[in-house]
PDB file of N, CA and C in Angstrom:
ATOM      1  N   UNK A   1      -2.395  -8.345  10.604  1.00  0.00           N
ATOM      2  CA  UNK A   1      -3.027  -7.103  10.253  1.00  0.00           C
ATOM      3  C   UNK A   1      -4.131  -7.321   9.215  1.00  0.00           C
ATOM      4  N   UNK A   2      -3.869  -8.141   8.230  1.00  0.00           N
ATOM      5  CA  UNK A   2      -4.865  -8.398   7.196  1.00  0.00           C
ATOM      6  C   UNK A   2      -6.108  -9.040   7.793  1.00  0.00           C
ATOM      7  N   UNK A   3      -5.916  -9.995   8.683  1.00  0.00           N
ATOM      8  CA  UNK A   3      -7.063 -10.665   9.304  1.00  0.00           C
ATOM      9  C   UNK A   3      -7.888  -9.697  10.138  1.00  0.00           C
ATOM     10  N   UNK A   4      -7.223  -8.848  10.897  1.00  0.00           N
ATOM     11  CA  UNK A   4      -7.940  -7.886  11.731  1.00  0.00           C
ATOM     12  C   UNK A   4      -8.723  -6.891  10.889  1.00  0.00           C
ATOM     13  N   UNK A   5      -8.119  -6.387   9.830  1.00  0.00           N
ATOM     14  CA  UNK A   5      -8.826  -5.437   8.963  1.00  0.00           C
ATOM     15  C   UNK A   5      -9.981  -6.099   8.229  1.00  0.00           C
ATOM     16  N   UNK A   6      -9.781  -7.332   7.776  1.00  0.00           N
ATOM     17  CA  UNK A   6     -10.851  -8.054   7.099  1.00  0.00           C
ATOM     18  C   UNK A   6     -12.023  -8.285   8.053  1.00  0.00           C
ATOM     19  N   UNK A   7     -11.735  -8.683   9.280  1.00  0.00           N
ATOM     20  CA  UNK A   7     -12.794  -8.904  10.268  1.00  0.00           C
ATOM     21  C   UNK A   7     -13.518  -7.608  10.585  1.00  0.00           C
ATOM     22  N   UNK A   8     -12.791  -6.496  10.664  1.00  0.00           N
ATOM     23  CA  UNK A   8     -13.414  -5.220  10.990  1.00  0.00           C
ATOM     24  C   UNK A   8     -14.329  -4.749   9.871  1.00  0.00           C
ATOM     25  N   UNK A   9     -13.907  -4.911   8.644  1.00  0.00           N
ATOM     26  CA  UNK A   9     -14.697  -4.415   7.518  1.00  0.00           C
ATOM     27  C   UNK A   9     -15.858  -5.346   7.196  1.00  0.00           C
ATOM     28  N   UNK A  10     -15.629  -6.660   7.193  1.00  0.00           N
ATOM     29  CA  UNK A  10     -16.645  -7.602   6.723  1.00  0.00           C
ATOM     30  C   UNK A  10     -17.297  -8.410   7.830  1.00  0.00           C
ATOM     31  N   UNK A  11     -16.824  -8.278   9.067  1.00  0.00           N
ATOM     32  CA  UNK A  11     -17.399  -9.042  10.167  1.00  0.00           C
ATOM     33  C   UNK A  11     -16.797 -10.432  10.255  1.00  0.00           C
ATOM     34  N   UNK A  12     -17.201 -11.148  11.296  1.00  0.00           N
ATOM     35  CA  UNK A  12     -16.622 -12.465  11.568  1.00  0.00           C
ATOM     36  C   UNK A  12     -17.312 -13.596  10.809  1.00  0.00           C
ATOM     37  N   UNK A  13     -18.502 -13.358  10.305  1.00  0.00           N
ATOM     38  CA  UNK A  13     -19.284 -14.420   9.677  1.00  0.00           C
ATOM     39  C   UNK A  13     -18.553 -15.056   8.490  1.00  0.00           C
ATOM     40  N   UNK A  14     -17.910 -14.255   7.665  1.00  0.00           N
ATOM     41  CA  UNK A  14     -17.251 -14.758   6.461  1.00  0.00           C
ATOM     42  C   UNK A  14     -15.730 -14.604   6.530  1.00  0.00           C
ATOM     43  N   UNK A  15     -15.203 -14.446   7.737  1.00  0.00           N
ATOM     44  CA  UNK A  15     -13.769 -14.180   7.882  1.00  0.00           C
ATOM     45  C   UNK A  15     -12.909 -15.320   7.350  1.00  0.00           C
ATOM     46  N   UNK A  16     -13.304 -16.553   7.565  1.00  0.00           N
ATOM     47  CA  UNK A  16     -12.493 -17.691   7.128  1.00  0.00           C
ATOM     48  C   UNK A  16     -12.280 -17.704   5.624  1.00  0.00           C
ATOM     49  N   UNK A  17     -13.354 -17.608   4.868  1.00  0.00           N
ATOM     50  CA  UNK A  17     -13.230 -17.649   3.406  1.00  0.00           C
ATOM     51  C   UNK A  17     -12.522 -16.415   2.869  1.00  0.00           C
ATOM     52  N   UNK A  18     -12.799 -15.257   3.446  1.00  0.00           N
ATOM     53  CA  UNK A  18     -12.140 -14.037   2.973  1.00  0.00           C
ATOM     54  C   UNK A  18     -10.651 -14.049   3.290  1.00  0.00           C
ATOM     55  N   UNK A  19     -10.286 -14.570   4.461  1.00  0.00           N
ATOM     56  CA  UNK A  19      -8.864 -14.702   4.793  1.00  0.00           C
ATOM     57  C   UNK A  19      -8.182 -15.668   3.835  1.00  0.00           C
ATOM     58  N   UNK A  20      -8.845 -16.774   3.529  1.00  0.00           N
ATOM     59  CA  UNK A  20      -8.279 -17.730   2.589  1.00  0.00           C
ATOM     60  C   UNK A  20      -8.046 -17.117   1.223  1.00  0.00           C
ATOM     61  N   UNK A  21      -9.015 -16.356   0.746  1.00  0.00           N
ATOM     62  CA  UNK A  21      -8.862 -15.695  -0.558  1.00  0.00           C
ATOM     63  C   UNK A  21      -7.751 -14.647  -0.536  1.00  0.00           C
ATOM     64  N   UNK A  22      -7.707 -13.866   0.542  1.00  0.00           N
ATOM     65  CA  UNK A  22      -6.686 -12.820   0.639  1.00  0.00           C
ATOM     66  C   UNK A  22      -5.278 -13.425   0.664  1.00  0.00           C
ATOM     67  N   UNK A  23      -5.080 -14.455   1.465  1.00  0.00           N
ATOM     68  CA  UNK A  23      -3.750 -15.050   1.556  1.00  0.00           C
ATOM     69  C   UNK A  23      -3.387 -15.847   0.312  1.00  0.00           C
ATOM     70  N   UNK A  24      -4.382 -16.430  -0.360  1.00  0.00           N
ATOM     71  CA  UNK A  24      -4.104 -17.081  -1.640  1.00  0.00           C
ATOM     72  C   UNK A  24      -3.612 -16.041  -2.649  1.00  0.00           C
ATOM     73  N   UNK A  25      -4.264 -14.894  -2.670  1.00  0.00           N
ATOM     74  CA  UNK A  25      -3.821 -13.808  -3.556  1.00  0.00           C
ATOM     75  C   UNK A  25      -2.422 -13.333  -3.223  1.00  0.00           C
ATOM     76  N   UNK A  26      -2.117 -13.218  -1.928  1.00  0.00           N
ATOM     77  CA  UNK A  26      -0.769 -12.807  -1.525  1.00  0.00           C
ATOM     78  C   UNK A  26       0.277 -13.821  -1.987  1.00  0.00           C
ATOM     79  N   UNK A  27      -0.018 -15.098  -1.799  1.00  0.00           N
ATOM     80  CA  UNK A  27       0.934 -16.143  -2.173  1.00  0.00           C
ATOM     81  C   UNK A  27       1.139 -16.219  -3.685  1.00  0.00           C
ATOM     82  N   UNK A  28       0.051 -16.151  -4.433  1.00  0.00           N
ATOM     83  CA  UNK A  28       0.179 -16.178  -5.897  1.00  0.00           C
ATOM     84  C   UNK A  28       0.930 -14.955  -6.418  1.00  0.00           C
ATOM     85  N   UNK A  29       0.622 -13.804  -5.865  1.00  0.00           N
ATOM     86  CA  UNK A  29       1.321 -12.587  -6.273  1.00  0.00           C
ATOM     87  C   UNK A  29       2.802 -12.640  -5.952  1.00  0.00           C
ATOM     88  N   UNK A  30       3.129 -13.165  -4.783  1.00  0.00           N
ATOM     89  CA  UNK A  30       4.538 -13.297  -4.416  1.00  0.00           C
ATOM     90  C   UNK A  30       5.284 -14.257  -5.321  1.00  0.00           C
ATOM     91  N   UNK A  31       4.674 -15.383  -5.617  1.00  0.00           N
ATOM     92  CA  UNK A  31       5.317 -16.376  -6.481  1.00  0.00           C
ATOM     93  C   UNK A  31       5.490 -15.849  -7.899  1.00  0.00           C
ATOM     94  N   UNK A  32       4.448 -15.239  -8.432  1.00  0.00           N
ATOM     95  CA  UNK A  32       4.533 -14.719  -9.797  1.00  0.00           C
ATOM     96  C   UNK A  32       5.511 -13.554  -9.914  1.00  0.00           C
ATOM     97  N   UNK A  33       5.558 -12.708  -8.886  1.00  0.00           N
ATOM     98  CA  UNK A  33       6.468 -11.561  -8.966  1.00  0.00           C
ATOM     99  C   UNK A  33       7.931 -11.995  -8.931  1.00  0.00           C
ATOM    100  N   UNK A  34       8.235 -13.045  -8.184  1.00  0.00           N
ATOM    101  CA  UNK A  34       9.610 -13.552  -8.155  1.00  0.00           C
ATOM    102  C   UNK A  34       9.999 -14.089  -9.527  1.00  0.00           C
ATOM    103  N   UNK A  35       9.099 -14.852 -10.137  1.00  0.00           N
ATOM    104  CA  UNK A  35       9.379 -15.401 -11.458  1.00  0.00           C
ATOM    105  C   UNK A  35       9.532 -14.291 -12.500  1.00  0.00           C
ATOM    106  N   UNK A  36       8.604 -13.343 -12.489  1.00  0.00           N
ATOM    107  CA  UNK A  36       8.665 -12.237 -13.444  1.00  0.00           C
ATOM    108  C   UNK A  36       9.919 -11.401 -13.240  1.00  0.00           C
ATOM    109  N   UNK A  37      10.293 -11.164 -11.992  1.00  0.00           N
ATOM    110  CA  UNK A  37      11.513 -10.405 -11.717  1.00  0.00           C
ATOM    111  C   UNK A  37      12.748 -11.083 -12.280  1.00  0.00           C
ATOM    112  N   UNK A  38      12.830 -12.407 -12.117  1.00  0.00           N
ATOM    113  CA  UNK A  38      13.967 -13.156 -12.656  1.00  0.00           C
ATOM    114  C   UNK A  38      14.003 -13.139 -14.178  1.00  0.00           C
ATOM    115  N   UNK A  39      12.830 -13.314 -14.779  1.00  0.00           N
ATOM    116  CA  UNK A  39      12.764 -13.293 -16.251  1.00  0.00           C
ATOM    117  C   UNK A  39      13.168 -11.919 -16.782  1.00  0.00           C
ATOM    118  N   UNK A  40      12.654 -10.868 -16.173  1.00  0.00           N
ATOM    119  CA  UNK A  40      13.004  -9.518 -16.634  1.00  0.00           C
ATOM    120  C   UNK A  40      14.473  -9.201 -16.391  1.00  0.00           C
ATOM    121  N   UNK A  41      15.041  -9.735 -15.311  1.00  0.00           N
ATOM    122  CA  UNK A  41      16.474  -9.541 -15.050  1.00  0.00           C
ATOM    123  C   UNK A  41      17.301 -10.212 -16.139  1.00  0.00           C
ATOM    124  N   UNK A  42      16.887 -11.412 -16.530  1.00  0.00           N
ATOM    125  CA  UNK A  42      17.609 -12.120 -17.592  1.00  0.00           C
ATOM    126  C   UNK A  42      17.490 -11.396 -18.926  1.00  0.00           C
ATOM    127  N   UNK A  43      16.328 -10.831 -19.207  1.00  0.00           N
ATOM    128  CA  UNK A  43      16.109 -10.154 -20.489  1.00  0.00           C
ATOM    129  C   UNK A  43      16.772  -8.781 -20.568  1.00  0.00           C
ATOM    130  N   UNK A  44      16.733  -8.025 -19.463  1.00  0.00           N
ATOM    131  CA  UNK A  44      17.219  -6.641 -19.511  1.00  0.00           C
ATOM    132  C   UNK A  44      18.578  -6.433 -18.857  1.00  0.00           C
ATOM    133  N   UNK A  45      19.003  -7.348 -17.996  1.00  0.00           N
ATOM    134  CA  UNK A  45      20.302  -7.193 -17.331  1.00  0.00           C
ATOM    135  C   UNK A  45      20.243  -6.387 -16.047  1.00  0.00           C
ATOM    136  N   UNK A  46      19.050  -5.932 -15.645  1.00  0.00           N
ATOM    137  CA  UNK A  46      18.921  -5.209 -14.376  1.00  0.00           C
ATOM    138  C   UNK A  46      17.530  -5.435 -13.801  1.00  0.00           C
ATOM    139  N   UNK A  47      17.375  -5.011 -12.573  1.00  0.00           N
ATOM    140  CA  UNK A  47      16.079  -5.132 -11.907  1.00  0.00           C
ATOM    141  C   UNK A  47      15.250  -3.853 -12.000  1.00  0.00           C
ATOM    142  N   UNK A  48      15.713  -2.878 -12.749  1.00  0.00           N
ATOM    143  CA  UNK A  48      15.014  -1.591 -12.831  1.00  0.00           C
ATOM    144  C   UNK A  48      13.571  -1.736 -13.310  1.00  0.00           C
ATOM    145  N   UNK A  49      13.355  -2.489 -14.354  1.00  0.00           N
ATOM    146  CA  UNK A  49      12.001  -2.668 -14.885  1.00  0.00           C
ATOM    147  C   UNK A  49      11.118  -3.405 -13.878  1.00  0.00           C
ATOM    148  N   UNK A  50      11.680  -4.386 -13.195  1.00  0.00           N
ATOM    149  CA  UNK A  50      10.914  -5.123 -12.188  1.00  0.00           C
ATOM    150  C   UNK A  50      10.438  -4.199 -11.070  1.00  0.00           C
ATOM    151  N   UNK A  51      11.330  -3.339 -10.595  1.00  0.00           N
ATOM    152  CA  UNK A  51      10.945  -2.411  -9.525  1.00  0.00           C
ATOM    153  C   UNK A  51       9.955  -1.368 -10.025  1.00  0.00           C
ATOM    154  N   UNK A  52      10.089  -0.948 -11.262  1.00  0.00           N
ATOM    155  CA  UNK A  52       9.139   0.018 -11.825  1.00  0.00           C
ATOM    156  C   UNK A  52       7.748  -0.601 -11.932  1.00  0.00           C
ATOM    157  N   UNK A  53       7.673  -1.838 -12.378  1.00  0.00           N
ATOM    158  CA  UNK A  53       6.381  -2.518 -12.478  1.00  0.00           C
ATOM    159  C   UNK A  53       5.778  -2.714 -11.090  1.00  0.00           C
ATOM    160  N   UNK A  54       6.597  -3.116 -10.126  1.00  0.00           N
ATOM    161  CA  UNK A  54       6.106  -3.285  -8.753  1.00  0.00           C
ATOM    162  C   UNK A  54       5.571  -1.959  -8.210  1.00  0.00           C
ATOM    163  N   UNK A  55       6.267  -0.880  -8.488  1.00  0.00           N
ATOM    164  CA  UNK A  55       5.805   0.432  -8.048  1.00  0.00           C
ATOM    165  C   UNK A  55       4.480   0.818  -8.671  1.00  0.00           C
ATOM    166  N   UNK A  56       4.317   0.507  -9.949  1.00  0.00           N
ATOM    167  CA  UNK A  56       3.044   0.799 -10.617  1.00  0.00           C
ATOM    168  C   UNK A  56       1.899  -0.012 -10.014  1.00  0.00           C
ATOM    169  N   UNK A  57       2.155  -1.284  -9.731  1.00  0.00           N
ATOM    170  CA  UNK A  57       1.122  -2.111  -9.097  1.00  0.00           C
ATOM    171  C   UNK A  57       0.767  -1.581  -7.709  1.00  0.00           C
ATOM    172  N   UNK A  58       1.770  -1.183  -6.946  1.00  0.00           N
ATOM    173  CA  UNK A  58       1.502  -0.639  -5.611  1.00  0.00           C
ATOM    174  C   UNK A  58       0.730   0.668  -5.684  1.00  0.00           C
ATOM    175  N   UNK A  59       1.069   1.505  -6.651  1.00  0.00           N
ATOM    176  CA  UNK A  59       0.340   2.757  -6.836  1.00  0.00           C
ATOM    177  C   UNK A  59      -1.113   2.469  -7.211  1.00  0.00           C
ATOM    178  N   UNK A  60      -1.320   1.522  -8.123  1.00  0.00           N
ATOM    179  CA  UNK A  60      -2.677   1.144  -8.512  1.00  0.00           C
ATOM    180  C   UNK A  60      -3.468   0.578  -7.341  1.00  0.00           C
ATOM    181  N   UNK A  61      -2.820  -0.253  -6.535  1.00  0.00           N
ATOM    182  CA  UNK A  61      -3.492  -0.822  -5.357  1.00  0.00           C
ATOM    183  C   UNK A  61      -3.880   0.267  -4.364  1.00  0.00           C
ATOM    184  N   UNK A  62      -3.024   1.267  -4.207  1.00  0.00           N
ATOM    185  CA  UNK A  62      -3.371   2.350  -3.283  1.00  0.00           C
ATOM    186  C   UNK A  62      -4.551   3.162  -3.804  1.00  0.00           C
ATOM    187  N   UNK A  63      -4.627   3.368  -5.106  1.00  0.00           N
ATOM    188  CA  UNK A  63      -5.779   4.079  -5.673  1.00  0.00           C
ATOM    189  C   UNK A  63      -7.061   3.278  -5.491  1.00  0.00           C
ATOM    190  N   UNK A  64      -6.979   1.981  -5.710  1.00  0.00           N
ATOM    191  CA  UNK A  64      -8.162   1.136  -5.540  1.00  0.00           C
ATOM    192  C   UNK A  64      -8.615   1.137  -4.082  1.00  0.00           C
ATOM    193  N   UNK A  65      -7.667   1.138  -3.150  1.00  0.00           N
ATOM    194  CA  UNK A  65      -8.042   1.114  -1.735  1.00  0.00           C
ATOM    195  C   UNK A  65      -8.792   2.375  -1.320  1.00  0.00           C
ATOM    196  N   UNK A  66      -8.557   3.471  -2.005  1.00  0.00           N
ATOM    197  CA  UNK A  66      -9.297   4.695  -1.685  1.00  0.00           C
ATOM    198  C   UNK A  66     -10.751   4.625  -2.139  1.00  0.00           C
ATOM    199  N   UNK A  67     -11.070   3.701  -3.026  1.00  0.00           N
ATOM    200  CA  UNK A  67     -12.451   3.582  -3.515  1.00  0.00           C
ATOM    201  C   UNK A  67     -13.319   2.712  -2.612  1.00  0.00           C
ATOM    202  N   UNK A  68     -12.723   2.053  -1.620  1.00  0.00           N
ATOM    203  CA  UNK A  68     -13.497   1.208  -0.718  1.00  0.00           C
ATOM    204  C   UNK A  68     -14.404   2.097   0.125  1.00  0.00           C
ATOM    205  N   UNK A  69     -15.676   1.795   0.101  1.00  0.00           N
ATOM    206  CA  UNK A  69     -16.649   2.590   0.852  1.00  0.00           C
ATOM    207  C   UNK A  69     -16.795   1.978   2.241  1.00  0.00           C
ATOM    208  N   UNK A  70     -15.843   2.311   3.103  1.00  0.00           N
ATOM    209  CA  UNK A  70     -15.761   1.689   4.424  1.00  0.00           C
ATOM    210  C   UNK A  70     -17.012   1.935   5.251  1.00  0.00           C
ATOM    211  N   UNK A  71     -17.569   3.119   5.195  1.00  0.00           N
ATOM    212  CA  UNK A  71     -18.736   3.402   6.026  1.00  0.00           C
ATOM    213  C   UNK A  71     -19.927   2.554   5.629  1.00  0.00           C
ATOM    214  N   UNK A  72     -19.981   2.110   4.392  1.00  0.00           N
ATOM    215  CA  UNK A  72     -21.085   1.259   3.953  1.00  0.00           C
ATOM    216  C   UNK A  72     -20.882  -0.190   4.370  1.00  0.00           C
ATOM    217  N   UNK A  73     -19.648  -0.670   4.331  1.00  0.00           N
ATOM    218  CA  UNK A  73     -19.394  -2.084   4.539  1.00  0.00           C
ATOM    219  C   UNK A  73     -18.816  -2.445   5.901  1.00  0.00           C
ATOM    220  N   UNK A  74     -18.167  -1.525   6.581  1.00  0.00           N
ATOM    221  CA  UNK A  74     -17.507  -1.845   7.833  1.00  0.00           C
ATOM    222  C   UNK A  74     -18.511  -2.088   8.952  1.00  0.00           C
ATOM    223  N   UNK A  75     -18.242  -3.123   9.745  1.00  0.00           N
ATOM    224  CA  UNK A  75     -19.101  -3.399  10.895  1.00  0.00           C
ATOM    225  C   UNK A  75     -18.993  -2.294  11.936  1.00  0.00           C
ATOM    226  N   UNK A  76     -17.952  -1.514  11.870  1.00  0.00           N
ATOM    227  CA  UNK A  76     -17.773  -0.411  12.806  1.00  0.00           C
ATOM    228  C   UNK A  76     -18.890   0.624  12.683  1.00  0.00           C
ATOM    229  N   UNK A  77     -19.419   0.820  11.495  1.00  0.00           N
ATOM    230  CA  UNK A  77     -20.411   1.858  11.255  1.00  0.00           C
ATOM    231  C   UNK A  77     -21.841   1.332  11.209  1.00  0.00           C
ATOM    232  N   UNK A  78     -22.032   0.037  11.354  1.00  0.00           N
ATOM    233  CA  UNK A  78     -23.376  -0.520  11.281  1.00  0.00           C
ATOM    234  C   UNK A  78     -24.080  -0.416  12.629  1.00  0.00           C
ATOM    235  N   UNK A  79     -25.348  -0.124  12.555  1.00  0.00           N
ATOM    236  CA  UNK A  79     -26.161  -0.114  13.770  1.00  0.00           C
ATOM    237  C   UNK A  79     -26.816  -1.477  13.922  1.00  0.00           C
ATOM    238  N   UNK A  80     -27.410  -1.735  15.054  1.00  0.00           N
ATOM    239  CA  UNK A  80     -28.063  -3.028  15.300  1.00  0.00           C
ATOM    240  C   UNK A  80     -29.205  -3.247  14.301  1.00  0.00           C
ATOM    241  N   UNK A  81     -29.934  -2.191  13.954  1.00  0.00           N
ATOM    242  CA  UNK A  81     -31.059  -2.324  13.025  1.00  0.00           C
ATOM    243  C   UNK A  81     -30.579  -2.668  11.626  1.00  0.00           C
ATOM    244  N   UNK A  82     -29.502  -2.038  11.157  1.00  0.00           N
ATOM    245  CA  UNK A  82     -29.018  -2.314   9.794  1.00  0.00           C
ATOM    246  C   UNK A  82     -28.348  -3.679   9.722  1.00  0.00           C
ATOM    247  N   UNK A  83     -27.720  -4.126  10.812  1.00  0.00           N
ATOM    248  CA  UNK A  83     -27.071  -5.437  10.826  1.00  0.00           C
ATOM    249  C   UNK A  83     -28.115  -6.555  10.826  1.00  0.00           C
ATOM    250  N   UNK A  84     -29.265  -6.309  11.440  1.00  0.00           N
ATOM    251  CA  UNK A  84     -30.314  -7.330  11.488  1.00  0.00           C
ATOM    252  C   UNK A  84     -30.957  -7.526  10.121  1.00  0.00           C
ATOM    253  N   UNK A  85     -30.914  -6.492   9.267  1.00  0.00           N
ATOM    254  CA  UNK A  85     -31.517  -6.582   7.952  1.00  0.00           C
ATOM    255  C   UNK A  85     -30.711  -7.386   6.964  1.00  0.00           C
ATOM    256  N   UNK A  86     -29.459  -7.717   7.279  1.00  0.00           N
ATOM    257  CA  UNK A  86     -28.590  -8.462   6.343  1.00  0.00           C
ATOM    258  C   UNK A  86     -28.857  -9.905   6.360  1.00  0.00           C
TER     259      UNK A  86
END
């Protein structure tokens, strides 16, 4: 899904590097969140704080995703004339 959405928004020209960056971010976030969750569990005795922090990050990510100006950047909305100018 991530690859398809990245290709749709940014086109195929830079898909390789953008996919690499996106998946690197996913992997780093997953690794760090596991470590942070364990540390917070040891400090507080429960996973409540870990889930609250994860929820805040997800809420923030959803707000940021609403700021993406898809009509400006998506290849779906570009005409042949505007694509040739890039």
